Amino acid sequence: MAKTLVTNVSGGELHFGFLPPHGVTLAAWEAVTYDGDLRTMLVARSKGFRTQGAKSLQYCLDNGLICVEAVAEPACSSSSSA
């Protein structure tokens, strides 16, 4: 399952009220990881309508306050044949 890594790149501590489950305060360069896609989670919480959460996420991205990265799980086996 893919994960979403959200990092506060603002340079100071900020509270991101749109982050699940009920808002998250992150110190500068602190990160939080979510199972699945963050944008999908925000849309699901709004039952398909554009929400304030989605607008807030876009504002933070546009203004360089957060970095959102998709993180894939390894998809190959660690075993090797000799």
Protein backbone atom coordinates (compact mmCIF):
# COMPACT_ATOMS: atom_id res chain seq x y z
CA MET A 1 0.00 0.00 0.00
CA ALA A 2 1.28 3.45 -0.87
CA LYS A 3 1.80 6.02 1.86
CA THR A 4 1.80 9.82 1.94
CA LEU A 5 4.59 11.68 3.73
CA VAL A 6 3.72 15.23 4.80
CA THR A 7 6.58 17.47 5.98
CA ASN A 8 6.34 20.97 7.47
CA VAL A 9 8.86 22.96 5.40
CA SER A 10 7.71 26.39 6.60
CA GLY A 11 10.67 26.91 8.92
CA GLY A 12 8.51 27.14 12.05
CA GLU A 13 5.92 25.18 14.01
CA LEU A 14 2.47 25.23 12.38
CA HIS A 15 -0.90 23.65 13.01
CA PHE A 16 -2.44 22.06 9.92
CA GLY A 17 -6.11 21.78 10.76
CA PHE A 18 -6.96 19.81 7.63
CA LEU A 19 -4.62 16.90 8.39
CA PRO A 20 -6.37 13.79 9.69
CA PRO A 21 -7.68 12.88 12.08
CA HIS A 22 -8.42 16.24 13.76
CA GLY A 23 -5.57 18.51 12.75
CA VAL A 24 -1.85 18.08 13.44
CA THR A 25 0.78 20.49 14.79
CA LEU A 26 4.19 19.91 13.24
CA ALA A 27 7.49 21.46 14.27
CA ALA A 28 9.76 22.79 11.53
CA TRP A 29 10.86 19.87 9.31
CA GLU A 30 8.73 17.42 11.29
CA ALA A 31 6.87 14.86 9.18
CA VAL A 32 3.84 12.62 9.52
CA THR A 33 3.02 9.57 7.39
CA TYR A 34 -0.45 8.42 6.35
CA ASP A 35 -1.50 5.09 4.87
CA GLY A 36 -2.91 5.81 1.42
CA ASP A 37 -3.26 9.03 -0.56
CA LEU A 38 -3.88 12.20 1.49
CA ARG A 39 -5.91 13.91 -1.24
CA THR A 40 -8.18 10.87 -1.53
CA MET A 41 -8.68 10.93 2.24
CA LEU A 42 -9.66 14.60 2.20
CA VAL A 43 -12.15 14.08 -0.63
CA ALA A 44 -13.62 11.00 1.06
CA ARG A 45 -14.20 13.02 4.24
CA SER A 46 -16.23 15.50 2.20
CA LYS A 47 -18.22 12.83 0.33
CA GLY A 48 -16.84 13.98 -3.03
CA PHE A 49 -17.27 17.76 -2.72
CA ARG A 50 -14.34 20.20 -2.72
CA THR A 51 -13.75 20.91 0.94
CA GLN A 52 -12.03 23.55 2.96
CA GLY A 53 -9.48 20.85 3.80
CA ALA A 54 -8.59 20.39 0.13
CA LYS A 55 -8.39 24.17 -0.33
CA SER A 56 -6.17 24.48 2.73
CA LEU A 57 -3.90 21.71 1.46
CA GLN A 58 -3.54 23.48 -1.90
CA TYR A 59 -2.84 26.82 -0.17
CA CYS A 60 -0.07 25.25 1.93
CA LEU A 61 1.45 23.60 -1.14
CA ASP A 62 1.27 26.79 -3.22
CA ASN A 63 2.90 28.84 -0.46
CA GLY A 64 5.71 26.41 0.38
CA LEU A 65 4.46 25.55 3.85
CA ILE A 66 4.34 21.78 3.41
CA CYS A 67 5.78 19.10 1.17
CA VAL A 68 3.59 16.12 0.25
CA GLU A 69 5.28 13.02 -1.14
CA ALA A 70 3.94 9.64 -2.20
CA VAL A 71 6.01 6.84 -0.71
CA ALA A 72 5.72 3.42 -2.33
CA GLU A 73 6.21 0.20 -0.43
CA PRO A 74 8.93 -2.10 -1.79
CA ALA A 75 7.38 -4.43 -4.36
CA CYS A 76 10.14 -6.98 -4.79
CA SER A 77 11.31 -9.92 -2.77
CA SER A 78 14.44 -9.57 -0.66
CA SER A 79 15.44 -13.19 -1.32
CA SER A 80 18.05 -13.93 -3.96
CA SER A 81 19.20 -17.07 -5.70
CA ALA A 82 22.86 -18.08 -5.76
